[in-house]
Amino acid sequence: MKNNFFYLLIFFICTNFFSPLKSDEVFNIGKNIFVTSDCVTCHTLSNAGSKGQIGPNLDEIRPGKDRVIYAVTNGIGVMPAYPDLTADQIEAVAHYVSESVNN
């Protein structure tokens, strides 16, 4: 009985802690939008491989999700609003940026 418990415990630990992390679909969608839009032209974000010098360096200012949503929705400074993006796309970009700079 003790052996069965031991093997079950080892199995549980291996499958839950050492298995590859599941891909975050919203993160991937947000990254795709960031990389294929004007974001990479203006912003530096190491996760995206972008080195833009016009807008703020996102790696340095580490904006939260709400701040990104506000900026993309309303524009800020020289950055225009992006009315062609849906609310879900804006949410995905905000999730991507905030997660990639805060992890």
PDB file of N, CA and C in Angstrom:
ATOM      1  N   MET A   1       0.822  -1.191   0.000  1.00  0.00           N
ATOM      2  CA  MET A   1       0.000   0.000   0.000  1.00  0.00           C
ATOM      3  C   MET A   1       0.864   1.253   0.000  1.00  0.00           C
ATOM      4  N   LYS A   2       1.964   1.242   0.801  1.00  0.00           N
ATOM      5  CA  LYS A   2       2.846   2.398   0.848  1.00  0.00           C
ATOM      6  C   LYS A   2       3.539   2.612  -0.496  1.00  0.00           C
ATOM      7  N   ASN A   3       3.901   1.521  -1.163  1.00  0.00           N
ATOM      8  CA  ASN A   3       4.547   1.643  -2.466  1.00  0.00           C
ATOM      9  C   ASN A   3       3.619   2.282  -3.487  1.00  0.00           C
ATOM     10  N   ASN A   4       2.357   1.893  -3.481  1.00  0.00           N
ATOM     11  CA  ASN A   4       1.387   2.469  -4.409  1.00  0.00           C
ATOM     12  C   ASN A   4       1.238   3.966  -4.166  1.00  0.00           C
ATOM     13  N   PHE A   5       1.166   4.371  -2.917  1.00  0.00           N
ATOM     14  CA  PHE A   5       1.049   5.785  -2.588  1.00  0.00           C
ATOM     15  C   PHE A   5       2.287   6.543  -3.050  1.00  0.00           C
ATOM     16  N   PHE A   6       3.456   5.964  -2.829  1.00  0.00           N
ATOM     17  CA  PHE A   6       4.706   6.595  -3.235  1.00  0.00           C
ATOM     18  C   PHE A   6       4.739   6.807  -4.745  1.00  0.00           C
ATOM     19  N   TYR A   7       4.377   5.776  -5.517  1.00  0.00           N
ATOM     20  CA  TYR A   7       4.380   5.893  -6.970  1.00  0.00           C
ATOM     21  C   TYR A   7       3.327   6.888  -7.452  1.00  0.00           C
ATOM     22  N   LEU A   8       2.197   6.894  -6.820  1.00  0.00           N
ATOM     23  CA  LEU A   8       1.149   7.850  -7.162  1.00  0.00           C
ATOM     24  C   LEU A   8       1.615   9.279  -6.885  1.00  0.00           C
ATOM     25  N   LEU A   9       2.283   9.476  -5.777  1.00  0.00           N
ATOM     26  CA  LEU A   9       2.802  10.794  -5.430  1.00  0.00           C
ATOM     27  C   LEU A   9       3.860  11.244  -6.447  1.00  0.00           C
ATOM     28  N   ILE A  10       4.760  10.365  -6.799  1.00  0.00           N
ATOM     29  CA  ILE A  10       5.792  10.684  -7.798  1.00  0.00           C
ATOM     30  C   ILE A  10       5.145  11.013  -9.136  1.00  0.00           C
ATOM     31  N   PHE A  11       4.156  10.230  -9.541  1.00  0.00           N
ATOM     32  CA  PHE A  11       3.443  10.486 -10.796  1.00  0.00           C
ATOM     33  C   PHE A  11       2.782  11.860 -10.766  1.00  0.00           C
ATOM     34  N   PHE A  12       2.120  12.191  -9.677  1.00  0.00           N
ATOM     35  CA  PHE A  12       1.447  13.484  -9.534  1.00  0.00           C
ATOM     36  C   PHE A  12       2.452  14.626  -9.638  1.00  0.00           C
ATOM     37  N   ILE A  13       3.558  14.516  -8.950  1.00  0.00           N
ATOM     38  CA  ILE A  13       4.573  15.573  -8.971  1.00  0.00           C
ATOM     39  C   ILE A  13       5.137  15.750 -10.381  1.00  0.00           C
ATOM     40  N   CYS A  14       5.444  14.663 -11.039  1.00  0.00           N
ATOM     41  CA  CYS A  14       6.022  14.745 -12.383  1.00  0.00           C
ATOM     42  C   CYS A  14       5.053  15.323 -13.402  1.00  0.00           C
ATOM     43  N   THR A  15       3.804  14.921 -13.348  1.00  0.00           N
ATOM     44  CA  THR A  15       2.844  15.393 -14.346  1.00  0.00           C
ATOM     45  C   THR A  15       2.389  16.817 -14.093  1.00  0.00           C
ATOM     46  N   ASN A  16       2.446  17.295 -12.870  1.00  0.00           N
ATOM     47  CA  ASN A  16       1.957  18.636 -12.580  1.00  0.00           C
ATOM     48  C   ASN A  16       3.051  19.686 -12.464  1.00  0.00           C
ATOM     49  N   PHE A  17       4.248  19.293 -12.154  1.00  0.00           N
ATOM     50  CA  PHE A  17       5.288  20.288 -11.951  1.00  0.00           C
ATOM     51  C   PHE A  17       6.384  20.267 -13.002  1.00  0.00           C
ATOM     52  N   PHE A  18       6.551  19.163 -13.691  1.00  0.00           N
ATOM     53  CA  PHE A  18       7.619  19.080 -14.665  1.00  0.00           C
ATOM     54  C   PHE A  18       7.121  18.988 -16.094  1.00  0.00           C
ATOM     55  N   SER A  19       5.831  19.041 -16.290  1.00  0.00           N
ATOM     56  CA  SER A  19       5.305  19.018 -17.649  1.00  0.00           C
ATOM     57  C   SER A  19       5.440  20.408 -18.252  1.00  0.00           C
ATOM     58  N   PRO A  20       5.536  20.511 -19.564  1.00  0.00           N
ATOM     59  CA  PRO A  20       5.654  21.828 -20.193  1.00  0.00           C
ATOM     60  C   PRO A  20       4.426  22.674 -19.879  1.00  0.00           C
ATOM     61  N   LEU A  21       4.658  23.962 -19.738  1.00  0.00           N
ATOM     62  CA  LEU A  21       3.549  24.868 -19.474  1.00  0.00           C
ATOM     63  C   LEU A  21       2.657  24.934 -20.703  1.00  0.00           C
ATOM     64  N   LYS A  22       1.375  25.004 -20.479  1.00  0.00           N
ATOM     65  CA  LYS A  22       0.444  25.135 -21.592  1.00  0.00           C
ATOM     66  C   LYS A  22       0.567  26.532 -22.169  1.00  0.00           C
ATOM     67  N   SER A  23       0.425  26.617 -23.467  1.00  0.00           N
ATOM     68  CA  SER A  23       0.514  27.889 -24.148  1.00  0.00           C
ATOM     69  C   SER A  23      -0.670  28.769 -23.775  1.00  0.00           C
ATOM     70  N   ASP A  24      -0.409  30.040 -23.561  1.00  0.00           N
ATOM     71  CA  ASP A  24      -1.443  31.009 -23.263  1.00  0.00           C
ATOM     72  C   ASP A  24      -1.923  31.585 -24.596  1.00  0.00           C
ATOM     73  N   GLU A  25      -3.089  31.172 -25.036  1.00  0.00           N
ATOM     74  CA  GLU A  25      -3.589  31.555 -26.347  1.00  0.00           C
ATOM     75  C   GLU A  25      -3.767  33.068 -26.479  1.00  0.00           C
ATOM     76  N   VAL A  26      -4.284  33.724 -25.456  1.00  0.00           N
ATOM     77  CA  VAL A  26      -4.481  35.178 -25.503  1.00  0.00           C
ATOM     78  C   VAL A  26      -3.130  35.881 -25.611  1.00  0.00           C
ATOM     79  N   PHE A  27      -2.127  35.396 -24.884  1.00  0.00           N
ATOM     80  CA  PHE A  27      -0.768  35.941 -24.957  1.00  0.00           C
ATOM     81  C   PHE A  27      -0.251  35.853 -26.395  1.00  0.00           C
ATOM     82  N   ASN A  28      -0.426  34.698 -27.015  1.00  0.00           N
ATOM     83  CA  ASN A  28       0.056  34.494 -28.384  1.00  0.00           C
ATOM     84  C   ASN A  28      -0.680  35.369 -29.389  1.00  0.00           C
ATOM     85  N   ILE A  29      -1.978  35.532 -29.212  1.00  0.00           N
ATOM     86  CA  ILE A  29      -2.758  36.410 -30.090  1.00  0.00           C
ATOM     87  C   ILE A  29      -2.270  37.848 -29.930  1.00  0.00           C
ATOM     88  N   GLY A  30      -2.091  38.277 -28.681  1.00  0.00           N
ATOM     89  CA  GLY A  30      -1.611  39.629 -28.420  1.00  0.00           C
ATOM     90  C   GLY A  30      -0.231  39.871 -29.010  1.00  0.00           C
ATOM     91  N   LYS A  31       0.641  38.879 -28.885  1.00  0.00           N
ATOM     92  CA  LYS A  31       1.988  39.018 -29.455  1.00  0.00           C
ATOM     93  C   LYS A  31       1.911  39.156 -30.965  1.00  0.00           C
ATOM     94  N   ASN A  32       1.071  38.361 -31.587  1.00  0.00           N
ATOM     95  CA  ASN A  32       0.920  38.431 -33.036  1.00  0.00           C
ATOM     96  C   ASN A  32       0.436  39.820 -33.463  1.00  0.00           C
ATOM     97  N   ILE A  33      -0.533  40.364 -32.748  1.00  0.00           N
ATOM     98  CA  ILE A  33      -1.026  41.710 -33.069  1.00  0.00           C
ATOM     99  C   ILE A  33       0.083  42.737 -32.865  1.00  0.00           C
ATOM    100  N   PHE A  34       0.798  42.644 -31.775  1.00  0.00           N
ATOM    101  CA  PHE A  34       1.885  43.579 -31.476  1.00  0.00           C
ATOM    102  C   PHE A  34       2.948  43.547 -32.567  1.00  0.00           C
ATOM    103  N   VAL A  35       3.337  42.349 -32.973  1.00  0.00           N
ATOM    104  CA  VAL A  35       4.418  42.181 -33.946  1.00  0.00           C
ATOM    105  C   VAL A  35       3.989  42.565 -35.356  1.00  0.00           C
ATOM    106  N   THR A  36       2.741  42.345 -35.713  1.00  0.00           N
ATOM    107  CA  THR A  36       2.299  42.603 -37.088  1.00  0.00           C
ATOM    108  C   THR A  36       1.670  43.981 -37.258  1.00  0.00           C
ATOM    109  N   SER A  37       1.628  44.768 -36.220  1.00  0.00           N
ATOM    110  CA  SER A  37       1.069  46.113 -36.327  1.00  0.00           C
ATOM    111  C   SER A  37       2.178  47.145 -36.142  1.00  0.00           C
ATOM    112  N   ASP A  38       1.789  48.380 -35.978  1.00  0.00           N
ATOM    113  CA  ASP A  38       2.750  49.474 -35.823  1.00  0.00           C
ATOM    114  C   ASP A  38       3.467  49.465 -34.474  1.00  0.00           C
ATOM    115  N   CYS A  39       3.075  48.630 -33.547  1.00  0.00           N
ATOM    116  CA  CYS A  39       3.665  48.636 -32.199  1.00  0.00           C
ATOM    117  C   CYS A  39       5.178  48.481 -32.240  1.00  0.00           C
ATOM    118  N   VAL A  40       5.656  47.549 -33.056  1.00  0.00           N
ATOM    119  CA  VAL A  40       7.101  47.273 -33.110  1.00  0.00           C
ATOM    120  C   VAL A  40       7.880  48.415 -33.736  1.00  0.00           C
ATOM    121  N   THR A  41       7.222  49.238 -34.521  1.00  0.00           N
ATOM    122  CA  THR A  41       7.888  50.372 -35.147  1.00  0.00           C
ATOM    123  C   THR A  41       8.304  51.408 -34.113  1.00  0.00           C
ATOM    124  N   CYS A  42       7.457  51.597 -33.103  1.00  0.00           N
ATOM    125  CA  CYS A  42       7.678  52.676 -32.142  1.00  0.00           C
ATOM    126  C   CYS A  42       8.220  52.226 -30.788  1.00  0.00           C
ATOM    127  N   HIS A  43       7.898  51.024 -30.371  1.00  0.00           N
ATOM    128  CA  HIS A  43       8.221  50.589 -29.013  1.00  0.00           C
ATOM    129  C   HIS A  43       9.318  49.535 -28.971  1.00  0.00           C
ATOM    130  N   THR A  44      10.117  49.607 -27.921  1.00  0.00           N
ATOM    131  CA  THR A  44      11.065  48.544 -27.613  1.00  0.00           C
ATOM    132  C   THR A  44      10.375  47.570 -26.666  1.00  0.00           C
ATOM    133  N   LEU A  45      10.399  46.310 -27.021  1.00  0.00           N
ATOM    134  CA  LEU A  45       9.860  45.244 -26.178  1.00  0.00           C
ATOM    135  C   LEU A  45      10.669  43.990 -26.492  1.00  0.00           C
ATOM    136  N   SER A  46      11.488  43.567 -25.556  1.00  0.00           N
ATOM    137  CA  SER A  46      12.426  42.475 -25.827  1.00  0.00           C
ATOM    138  C   SER A  46      11.727  41.192 -26.235  1.00  0.00           C
ATOM    139  N   ASN A  47      10.576  40.876 -25.627  1.00  0.00           N
ATOM    140  CA  ASN A  47       9.881  39.647 -25.971  1.00  0.00           C
ATOM    141  C   ASN A  47       9.468  39.623 -27.433  1.00  0.00           C
ATOM    142  N   ALA A  48       9.182  40.788 -27.997  1.00  0.00           N
ATOM    143  CA  ALA A  48       8.780  40.885 -29.399  1.00  0.00           C
ATOM    144  C   ALA A  48       9.971  41.087 -30.321  1.00  0.00           C
ATOM    145  N   GLY A  49      11.141  41.329 -29.747  1.00  0.00           N
ATOM    146  CA  GLY A  49      12.319  41.589 -30.556  1.00  0.00           C
ATOM    147  C   GLY A  49      12.299  42.964 -31.196  1.00  0.00           C
ATOM    148  N   SER A  50      11.503  43.880 -30.654  1.00  0.00           N
ATOM    149  CA  SER A  50      11.395  45.214 -31.250  1.00  0.00           C
ATOM    150  C   SER A  50      12.326  46.194 -30.556  1.00  0.00           C
ATOM    151  N   LYS A  51      12.812  47.142 -31.329  1.00  0.00           N
ATOM    152  CA  LYS A  51      13.769  48.127 -30.825  1.00  0.00           C
ATOM    153  C   LYS A  51      13.358  49.542 -31.237  1.00  0.00           C
ATOM    154  N   GLY A  52      12.046  49.821 -31.243  1.00  0.00           N
ATOM    155  CA  GLY A  52      11.563  51.146 -31.628  1.00  0.00           C
ATOM    156  C   GLY A  52      12.061  52.227 -30.682  1.00  0.00           C
ATOM    157  N   GLN A  53      12.246  53.426 -31.222  1.00  0.00           N
ATOM    158  CA  GLN A  53      12.778  54.536 -30.435  1.00  0.00           C
ATOM    159  C   GLN A  53      11.811  55.715 -30.351  1.00  0.00           C
ATOM    160  N   ILE A  54      10.637  55.617 -30.926  1.00  0.00           N
ATOM    161  CA  ILE A  54       9.685  56.732 -30.932  1.00  0.00           C
ATOM    162  C   ILE A  54       8.861  56.749 -29.650  1.00  0.00           C
ATOM    163  N   GLY A  55       8.267  55.630 -29.325  1.00  0.00           N
ATOM    164  CA  GLY A  55       7.455  55.525 -28.116  1.00  0.00           C
ATOM    165  C   GLY A  55       8.289  55.068 -26.947  1.00  0.00           C
ATOM    166  N   PRO A  56       7.671  55.008 -25.780  1.00  0.00           N
ATOM    167  CA  PRO A  56       8.425  54.564 -24.603  1.00  0.00           C
ATOM    168  C   PRO A  56       8.904  53.121 -24.726  1.00  0.00           C
ATOM    169  N   ASN A  57      10.004  52.843 -24.054  1.00  0.00           N
ATOM    170  CA  ASN A  57      10.552  51.498 -23.970  1.00  0.00           C
ATOM    171  C   ASN A  57       9.664  50.731 -22.979  1.00  0.00           C
ATOM    172  N   LEU A  58       8.900  49.780 -23.471  1.00  0.00           N
ATOM    173  CA  LEU A  58       7.940  49.054 -22.635  1.00  0.00           C
ATOM    174  C   LEU A  58       8.633  48.177 -21.601  1.00  0.00           C
ATOM    175  N   ASP A  59       9.840  47.719 -21.913  1.00  0.00           N
ATOM    176  CA  ASP A  59      10.598  46.942 -20.929  1.00  0.00           C
ATOM    177  C   ASP A  59      10.958  47.795 -19.718  1.00  0.00           C
ATOM    178  N   GLU A  60      11.163  49.075 -19.927  1.00  0.00           N
ATOM    179  CA  GLU A  60      11.539  49.969 -18.839  1.00  0.00           C
ATOM    180  C   GLU A  60      10.331  50.471 -18.040  1.00  0.00           C
ATOM    181  N   ILE A  61       9.268  50.884 -18.744  1.00  0.00           N
ATOM    182  CA  ILE A  61       8.129  51.456 -18.004  1.00  0.00           C
ATOM    183  C   ILE A  61       7.183  50.384 -17.462  1.00  0.00           C
ATOM    184  N   ARG A  62       7.272  49.173 -18.001  1.00  0.00           N
ATOM    185  CA  ARG A  62       6.512  48.020 -17.519  1.00  0.00           C
ATOM    186  C   ARG A  62       5.036  48.354 -17.237  1.00  0.00           C
ATOM    187  N   PRO A  63       4.308  48.738 -18.283  1.00  0.00           N
ATOM    188  CA  PRO A  63       2.918  49.141 -18.058  1.00  0.00           C
ATOM    189  C   PRO A  63       2.025  47.968 -17.670  1.00  0.00           C
ATOM    190  N   GLY A  64       1.053  48.256 -16.839  1.00  0.00           N
ATOM    191  CA  GLY A  64       0.049  47.266 -16.485  1.00  0.00           C
ATOM    192  C   GLY A  64      -0.981  47.150 -17.587  1.00  0.00           C
ATOM    193  N   LYS A  65      -1.810  46.168 -17.480  1.00  0.00           N
ATOM    194  CA  LYS A  65      -2.811  45.873 -18.504  1.00  0.00           C
ATOM    195  C   LYS A  65      -3.756  47.052 -18.726  1.00  0.00           C
ATOM    196  N   ASP A  66      -4.243  47.662 -17.651  1.00  0.00           N
ATOM    197  CA  ASP A  66      -5.179  48.780 -17.782  1.00  0.00           C
ATOM    198  C   ASP A  66      -4.549  49.969 -18.498  1.00  0.00           C
ATOM    199  N   ARG A  67      -3.287  50.211 -18.234  1.00  0.00           N
ATOM    200  CA  ARG A  67      -2.584  51.327 -18.876  1.00  0.00           C
ATOM    201  C   ARG A  67      -2.458  51.087 -20.377  1.00  0.00           C
ATOM    202  N   VAL A  68      -2.168  49.862 -20.769  1.00  0.00           N
ATOM    203  CA  VAL A  68      -2.053  49.531 -22.192  1.00  0.00           C
ATOM    204  C   VAL A  68      -3.417  49.657 -22.868  1.00  0.00           C
ATOM    205  N   ILE A  69      -4.445  49.140 -22.227  1.00  0.00           N
ATOM    206  CA  ILE A  69      -5.798  49.250 -22.794  1.00  0.00           C
ATOM    207  C   ILE A  69      -6.155  50.711 -23.017  1.00  0.00           C
ATOM    208  N   TYR A  70      -5.885  51.558 -22.024  1.00  0.00           N
ATOM    209  CA  TYR A  70      -6.196  52.988 -22.148  1.00  0.00           C
ATOM    210  C   TYR A  70      -5.435  53.609 -23.321  1.00  0.00           C
ATOM    211  N   ALA A  71      -4.134  53.345 -23.414  1.00  0.00           N
ATOM    212  CA  ALA A  71      -3.309  53.948 -24.461  1.00  0.00           C
ATOM    213  C   ALA A  71      -3.738  53.498 -25.856  1.00  0.00           C
ATOM    214  N   VAL A  72      -4.012  52.210 -26.026  1.00  0.00           N
ATOM    215  CA  VAL A  72      -4.395  51.694 -27.337  1.00  0.00           C
ATOM    216  C   VAL A  72      -5.801  52.175 -27.718  1.00  0.00           C
ATOM    217  N   THR A  73      -6.681  52.279 -26.754  1.00  0.00           N
ATOM    218  CA  THR A  73      -8.061  52.702 -27.014  1.00  0.00           C
ATOM    219  C   THR A  73      -8.164  54.195 -27.285  1.00  0.00           C
ATOM    220  N   ASN A  74      -7.458  55.009 -26.501  1.00  0.00           N
ATOM    221  CA  ASN A  74      -7.618  56.453 -26.561  1.00  0.00           C
ATOM    222  C   ASN A  74      -6.461  57.203 -27.212  1.00  0.00           C
ATOM    223  N   GLY A  75      -5.337  56.538 -27.372  1.00  0.00           N
ATOM    224  CA  GLY A  75      -4.139  57.240 -27.807  1.00  0.00           C
ATOM    225  C   GLY A  75      -3.540  57.974 -26.616  1.00  0.00           C
ATOM    226  N   ILE A  76      -2.282  58.291 -26.713  1.00  0.00           N
ATOM    227  CA  ILE A  76      -1.606  59.027 -25.647  1.00  0.00           C
ATOM    228  C   ILE A  76      -0.350  59.661 -26.239  1.00  0.00           C
ATOM    229  N   GLY A  77      -0.148  60.950 -26.001  1.00  0.00           N
ATOM    230  CA  GLY A  77       0.988  61.643 -26.594  1.00  0.00           C
ATOM    231  C   GLY A  77       0.918  61.569 -28.108  1.00  0.00           C
ATOM    232  N   VAL A  78       2.011  61.138 -28.742  1.00  0.00           N
ATOM    233  CA  VAL A  78       2.027  61.021 -30.211  1.00  0.00           C
ATOM    234  C   VAL A  78       1.411  59.703 -30.692  1.00  0.00           C
ATOM    235  N   MET A  79       1.115  58.825 -29.765  1.00  0.00           N
ATOM    236  CA  MET A  79       0.517  57.537 -30.145  1.00  0.00           C
ATOM    237  C   MET A  79      -0.966  57.726 -30.440  1.00  0.00           C
ATOM    238  N   PRO A  80      -1.394  57.305 -31.638  1.00  0.00           N
ATOM    239  CA  PRO A  80      -2.814  57.422 -31.957  1.00  0.00           C
ATOM    240  C   PRO A  80      -3.623  56.300 -31.311  1.00  0.00           C
ATOM    241  N   ALA A  81      -4.920  56.494 -31.243  1.00  0.00           N
ATOM    242  CA  ALA A  81      -5.828  55.409 -30.851  1.00  0.00           C
ATOM    243  C   ALA A  81      -5.901  54.415 -32.009  1.00  0.00           C
ATOM    244  N   TYR A  82      -6.296  53.200 -31.717  1.00  0.00           N
ATOM    245  CA  TYR A  82      -6.422  52.170 -32.747  1.00  0.00           C
ATOM    246  C   TYR A  82      -7.874  51.696 -32.828  1.00  0.00           C
ATOM    247  N   PRO A  83      -8.736  52.491 -33.477  1.00  0.00           N
ATOM    248  CA  PRO A  83     -10.162  52.147 -33.533  1.00  0.00           C
ATOM    249  C   PRO A  83     -10.468  50.908 -34.369  1.00  0.00           C
ATOM    250  N   ASP A  84      -9.523  50.483 -35.201  1.00  0.00           N
ATOM    251  CA  ASP A  84      -9.752  49.290 -36.026  1.00  0.00           C
ATOM    252  C   ASP A  84      -9.592  47.992 -35.240  1.00  0.00           C
ATOM    253  N   LEU A  85      -8.992  48.070 -34.055  1.00  0.00           N
ATOM    254  CA  LEU A  85      -8.856  46.875 -33.222  1.00  0.00           C
ATOM    255  C   LEU A  85     -10.131  46.663 -32.423  1.00  0.00           C
ATOM    256  N   THR A  86     -10.551  45.424 -32.316  1.00  0.00           N
ATOM    257  CA  THR A  86     -11.728  45.103 -31.502  1.00  0.00           C
ATOM    258  C   THR A  86     -11.344  45.141 -30.023  1.00  0.00           C
ATOM    259  N   ALA A  87     -12.345  45.145 -29.171  1.00  0.00           N
ATOM    260  CA  ALA A  87     -12.092  45.121 -27.725  1.00  0.00           C
ATOM    261  C   ALA A  87     -11.294  43.869 -27.345  1.00  0.00           C
ATOM    262  N   ASP A  88     -11.598  42.737 -27.966  1.00  0.00           N
ATOM    263  CA  ASP A  88     -10.860  41.498 -27.680  1.00  0.00           C
ATOM    264  C   ASP A  88      -9.408  41.590 -28.131  1.00  0.00           C
ATOM    265  N   GLN A  89      -9.159  42.227 -29.257  1.00  0.00           N
ATOM    266  CA  GLN A  89      -7.784  42.387 -29.737  1.00  0.00           C
ATOM    267  C   GLN A  89      -6.995  43.321 -28.821  1.00  0.00           C
ATOM    268  N   ILE A  90      -7.631  44.398 -28.386  1.00  0.00           N
ATOM    269  CA  ILE A  90      -6.972  45.325 -27.461  1.00  0.00           C
ATOM    270  C   ILE A  90      -6.664  44.623 -26.149  1.00  0.00           C
ATOM    271  N   GLU A  91      -7.607  43.845 -25.675  1.00  0.00           N
ATOM    272  CA  GLU A  91      -7.402  43.068 -24.446  1.00  0.00           C
ATOM    273  C   GLU A  91      -6.223  42.106 -24.607  1.00  0.00           C
ATOM    274  N   ALA A  92      -6.131  41.463 -25.771  1.00  0.00           N
ATOM    275  CA  ALA A  92      -5.046  40.517 -26.021  1.00  0.00           C
ATOM    276  C   ALA A  92      -3.691  41.223 -26.058  1.00  0.00           C
ATOM    277  N   VAL A  93      -3.611  42.372 -26.725  1.00  0.00           N
ATOM    278  CA  VAL A  93      -2.355  43.122 -26.784  1.00  0.00           C
ATOM    279  C   VAL A  93      -1.956  43.581 -25.380  1.00  0.00           C
ATOM    280  N   ALA A  94      -2.931  44.072 -24.627  1.00  0.00           N
ATOM    281  CA  ALA A  94      -2.658  44.532 -23.261  1.00  0.00           C
ATOM    282  C   ALA A  94      -2.173  43.382 -22.390  1.00  0.00           C
ATOM    283  N   HIS A  95      -2.798  42.237 -22.538  1.00  0.00           N
ATOM    284  CA  HIS A  95      -2.375  41.046 -21.788  1.00  0.00           C
ATOM    285  C   HIS A  95      -0.938  40.675 -22.163  1.00  0.00           C
ATOM    286  N   TYR A  96      -0.666  40.653 -23.451  1.00  0.00           N
ATOM    287  CA  TYR A  96       0.671  40.297 -23.917  1.00  0.00           C
ATOM    288  C   TYR A  96       1.732  41.243 -23.370  1.00  0.00           C
ATOM    289  N   VAL A  97       1.509  42.540 -23.531  1.00  0.00           N
ATOM    290  CA  VAL A  97       2.512  43.517 -23.085  1.00  0.00           C
ATOM    291  C   VAL A  97       2.712  43.420 -21.584  1.00  0.00           C
ATOM    292  N   SER A  98       1.622  43.430 -20.829  1.00  0.00           N
ATOM    293  CA  SER A  98       1.763  43.425 -19.368  1.00  0.00           C
ATOM    294  C   SER A  98       2.395  42.135 -18.856  1.00  0.00           C
ATOM    295  N   GLU A  99       2.084  41.018 -19.456  1.00  0.00           N
ATOM    296  CA  GLU A  99       2.688  39.751 -19.042  1.00  0.00           C
ATOM    297  C   GLU A  99       4.149  39.654 -19.439  1.00  0.00           C
ATOM    298  N   SER A 100       4.484  40.127 -20.628  1.00  0.00           N
ATOM    299  CA  SER A 100       5.865  39.980 -21.087  1.00  0.00           C
ATOM    300  C   SER A 100       6.814  40.919 -20.348  1.00  0.00           C
ATOM    301  N   VAL A 101       6.346  42.046 -19.847  1.00  0.00           N
ATOM    302  CA  VAL A 101       7.236  42.963 -19.129  1.00  0.00           C
ATOM    303  C   VAL A 101       7.260  42.699 -17.619  1.00  0.00           C
ATOM    304  N   ASN A 102       6.301  41.973 -17.131  1.00  0.00           N
ATOM    305  CA  ASN A 102       6.213  41.736 -15.684  1.00  0.00           C
ATOM    306  C   ASN A 102       6.556  40.311 -15.300  1.00  0.00           C
ATOM    307  N   ASN A 103       7.095  39.543 -16.215  1.00  0.00           N
ATOM    308  CA  ASN A 103       7.510  38.170 -15.906  1.00  0.00           C
ATOM    309  C   ASN A 103       8.974  37.974 -16.191  1.00  0.00           C
TER     310      ASN A 103
END
